[in-house]
Amino acid sequence: MTSYQYCILVLKKVSFDSNLFFKEYWKATKVVDVEDLEKLQNWCRCFVAQSPHLQSEMSF
């Protein structure tokens, strides 16, 4: 499992809480490889767009 895949797994598990989700997102941006950072950002935008409870905290 890559660091990118692990970060996605963690983000999905903590998505019930928007504060925790974005805290983990910012941590994830520091640990993924440079080439995976854009993939992570794109994934997060799509995931947040599908999760209304996360949209109010979107700040990336």
N, C-alpha and C. Protein backbone atom coordinates (compact mmCIF):
# COMPACT_ATOMS: atom_id res chain seq x y z
N MET A 1 0.85 -1.17 0.00
CA MET A 1 0.00 0.00 0.00
C MET A 1 0.91 1.25 0.00
N THR A 2 0.63 2.15 -0.91
CA THR A 2 1.42 3.38 -1.00
C THR A 2 0.94 4.39 0.06
N SER A 3 1.75 5.42 0.26
CA SER A 3 1.34 6.45 1.22
C SER A 3 0.08 7.16 0.73
N TYR A 4 -0.05 7.31 -0.59
CA TYR A 4 -1.25 7.92 -1.16
C TYR A 4 -2.49 7.08 -0.82
N GLN A 5 -2.41 5.79 -1.05
CA GLN A 5 -3.53 4.90 -0.76
C GLN A 5 -3.87 4.89 0.73
N TYR A 6 -2.84 4.90 1.56
CA TYR A 6 -3.06 4.93 3.01
C TYR A 6 -3.77 6.22 3.42
N CYS A 7 -3.34 7.34 2.87
CA CYS A 7 -3.96 8.62 3.20
C CYS A 7 -5.43 8.65 2.79
N ILE A 8 -5.74 8.10 1.63
CA ILE A 8 -7.14 8.03 1.18
C ILE A 8 -7.95 7.18 2.16
N LEU A 9 -7.40 6.07 2.58
CA LEU A 9 -8.07 5.19 3.54
C LEU A 9 -8.37 5.94 4.84
N VAL A 10 -7.38 6.63 5.36
CA VAL A 10 -7.57 7.39 6.60
C VAL A 10 -8.61 8.48 6.41
N LEU A 11 -8.53 9.22 5.31
CA LEU A 11 -9.47 10.31 5.06
C LEU A 11 -10.91 9.80 4.97
N LYS A 12 -11.10 8.67 4.34
CA LYS A 12 -12.45 8.10 4.26
C LYS A 12 -12.96 7.72 5.65
N LYS A 13 -12.07 7.18 6.49
CA LYS A 13 -12.49 6.75 7.83
C LYS A 13 -12.83 7.92 8.75
N VAL A 14 -12.19 9.07 8.56
CA VAL A 14 -12.44 10.21 9.44
C VAL A 14 -13.41 11.21 8.83
N SER A 15 -14.00 10.88 7.70
CA SER A 15 -14.86 11.84 6.99
C SER A 15 -16.15 12.16 7.74
N PHE A 16 -16.44 11.46 8.82
CA PHE A 16 -17.65 11.75 9.60
C PHE A 16 -17.52 13.09 10.33
N ASP A 17 -16.30 13.58 10.51
CA ASP A 17 -16.05 14.83 11.24
C ASP A 17 -15.23 15.76 10.35
N SER A 18 -15.80 16.90 9.97
CA SER A 18 -15.13 17.78 9.01
C SER A 18 -13.82 18.34 9.57
N ASN A 19 -13.77 18.68 10.85
CA ASN A 19 -12.52 19.20 11.43
C ASN A 19 -11.42 18.15 11.39
N LEU A 20 -11.76 16.95 11.76
CA LEU A 20 -10.78 15.86 11.74
C LEU A 20 -10.36 15.53 10.31
N PHE A 21 -11.32 15.54 9.39
CA PHE A 21 -11.02 15.26 7.99
C PHE A 21 -9.97 16.24 7.46
N PHE A 22 -10.18 17.52 7.67
CA PHE A 22 -9.25 18.50 7.12
C PHE A 22 -7.92 18.53 7.88
N LYS A 23 -7.95 18.19 9.15
CA LYS A 23 -6.69 18.06 9.89
C LYS A 23 -5.86 16.93 9.29
N GLU A 24 -6.51 15.80 9.02
CA GLU A 24 -5.82 14.66 8.41
C GLU A 24 -5.40 14.96 6.97
N TYR A 25 -6.22 15.74 6.27
CA TYR A 25 -5.86 16.12 4.89
C TYR A 25 -4.55 16.90 4.88
N TRP A 26 -4.43 17.88 5.77
CA TRP A 26 -3.21 18.69 5.79
C TRP A 26 -2.01 17.85 6.20
N LYS A 27 -2.20 16.89 7.09
CA LYS A 27 -1.11 15.97 7.44
C LYS A 27 -0.74 15.12 6.24
N ALA A 28 -1.74 14.69 5.50
CA ALA A 28 -1.50 13.83 4.33
C ALA A 28 -0.70 14.56 3.26
N THR A 29 -0.95 15.86 3.10
CA THR A 29 -0.22 16.61 2.07
C THR A 29 1.27 16.68 2.38
N LYS A 30 1.62 16.45 3.62
CA LYS A 30 3.03 16.50 4.00
C LYS A 30 3.75 15.15 3.84
N VAL A 31 2.98 14.06 3.76
CA VAL A 31 3.62 12.75 3.70
C VAL A 31 3.56 12.07 2.33
N VAL A 32 2.67 12.50 1.46
CA VAL A 32 2.60 11.85 0.15
C VAL A 32 3.75 12.33 -0.73
N ASP A 33 4.11 11.51 -1.69
CA ASP A 33 5.15 11.88 -2.64
C ASP A 33 4.70 13.09 -3.46
N VAL A 34 5.65 13.83 -3.96
CA VAL A 34 5.35 15.03 -4.74
C VAL A 34 4.45 14.70 -5.94
N GLU A 35 4.70 13.58 -6.60
CA GLU A 35 3.89 13.22 -7.76
C GLU A 35 2.47 12.79 -7.38
N ASP A 36 2.27 12.38 -6.13
CA ASP A 36 0.93 11.99 -5.68
C ASP A 36 0.15 13.14 -5.05
N LEU A 37 0.80 14.25 -4.80
CA LEU A 37 0.14 15.37 -4.14
C LEU A 37 -1.02 15.90 -4.98
N GLU A 38 -0.83 16.07 -6.26
CA GLU A 38 -1.91 16.56 -7.11
C GLU A 38 -3.06 15.57 -7.18
N LYS A 39 -2.74 14.28 -7.22
CA LYS A 39 -3.79 13.25 -7.19
C LYS A 39 -4.59 13.32 -5.90
N LEU A 40 -3.92 13.52 -4.79
CA LEU A 40 -4.58 13.63 -3.49
C LEU A 40 -5.50 14.86 -3.46
N GLN A 41 -5.01 15.97 -3.95
CA GLN A 41 -5.81 17.20 -3.98
C GLN A 41 -7.05 17.01 -4.84
N ASN A 42 -6.89 16.40 -6.01
CA ASN A 42 -8.04 16.16 -6.89
C ASN A 42 -9.04 15.20 -6.26
N TRP A 43 -8.53 14.14 -5.64
CA TRP A 43 -9.41 13.18 -4.97
C TRP A 43 -10.21 13.89 -3.87
N CYS A 44 -9.52 14.72 -3.10
CA CYS A 44 -10.16 15.41 -1.98
C CYS A 44 -11.25 16.36 -2.48
N ARG A 45 -10.98 17.10 -3.54
CA ARG A 45 -12.00 18.00 -4.09
C ARG A 45 -13.25 17.22 -4.51
N CYS A 46 -13.06 16.11 -5.19
CA CYS A 46 -14.20 15.28 -5.62
C CYS A 46 -14.94 14.70 -4.43
N PHE A 47 -14.22 14.21 -3.44
CA PHE A 47 -14.83 13.60 -2.26
C PHE A 47 -15.63 14.63 -1.48
N VAL A 48 -15.08 15.82 -1.30
CA VAL A 48 -15.77 16.88 -0.56
C VAL A 48 -17.00 17.33 -1.34
N ALA A 49 -16.91 17.40 -2.65
CA ALA A 49 -18.06 17.81 -3.46
C ALA A 49 -19.23 16.84 -3.30
N GLN A 50 -18.94 15.58 -2.99
CA GLN A 50 -19.98 14.58 -2.82
C GLN A 50 -20.44 14.45 -1.36
N SER A 51 -19.81 15.20 -0.47
CA SER A 51 -20.12 15.12 0.96
C SER A 51 -20.50 16.49 1.48
N PRO A 52 -21.79 16.81 1.48
CA PRO A 52 -22.23 18.16 1.87
C PRO A 52 -21.76 18.61 3.26
N HIS A 53 -21.64 17.68 4.19
CA HIS A 53 -21.23 18.06 5.55
C HIS A 53 -19.76 18.51 5.61
N LEU A 54 -18.98 18.20 4.58
CA LEU A 54 -17.58 18.63 4.53
C LEU A 54 -17.41 19.95 3.79
N GLN A 55 -18.37 20.32 2.98
CA GLN A 55 -18.21 21.48 2.11
C GLN A 55 -18.08 22.79 2.85
N SER A 56 -18.68 22.92 4.01
CA SER A 56 -18.62 24.18 4.74
C SER A 56 -17.21 24.46 5.27
N GLU A 57 -16.41 23.45 5.43
CA GLU A 57 -15.04 23.60 5.96
C GLU A 57 -13.99 23.62 4.87
N MET A 58 -14.39 23.47 3.62
CA MET A 58 -13.43 23.34 2.53
C MET A 58 -12.56 24.58 2.43
N SER A 59 -11.27 24.40 2.58
CA SER A 59 -10.34 25.52 2.54
C SER A 59 -9.01 25.11 1.95
N PHE A 60 -9.01 24.46 0.82
CA PHE A 60 -7.73 24.06 0.21
C PHE A 60 -7.69 24.44 -1.23
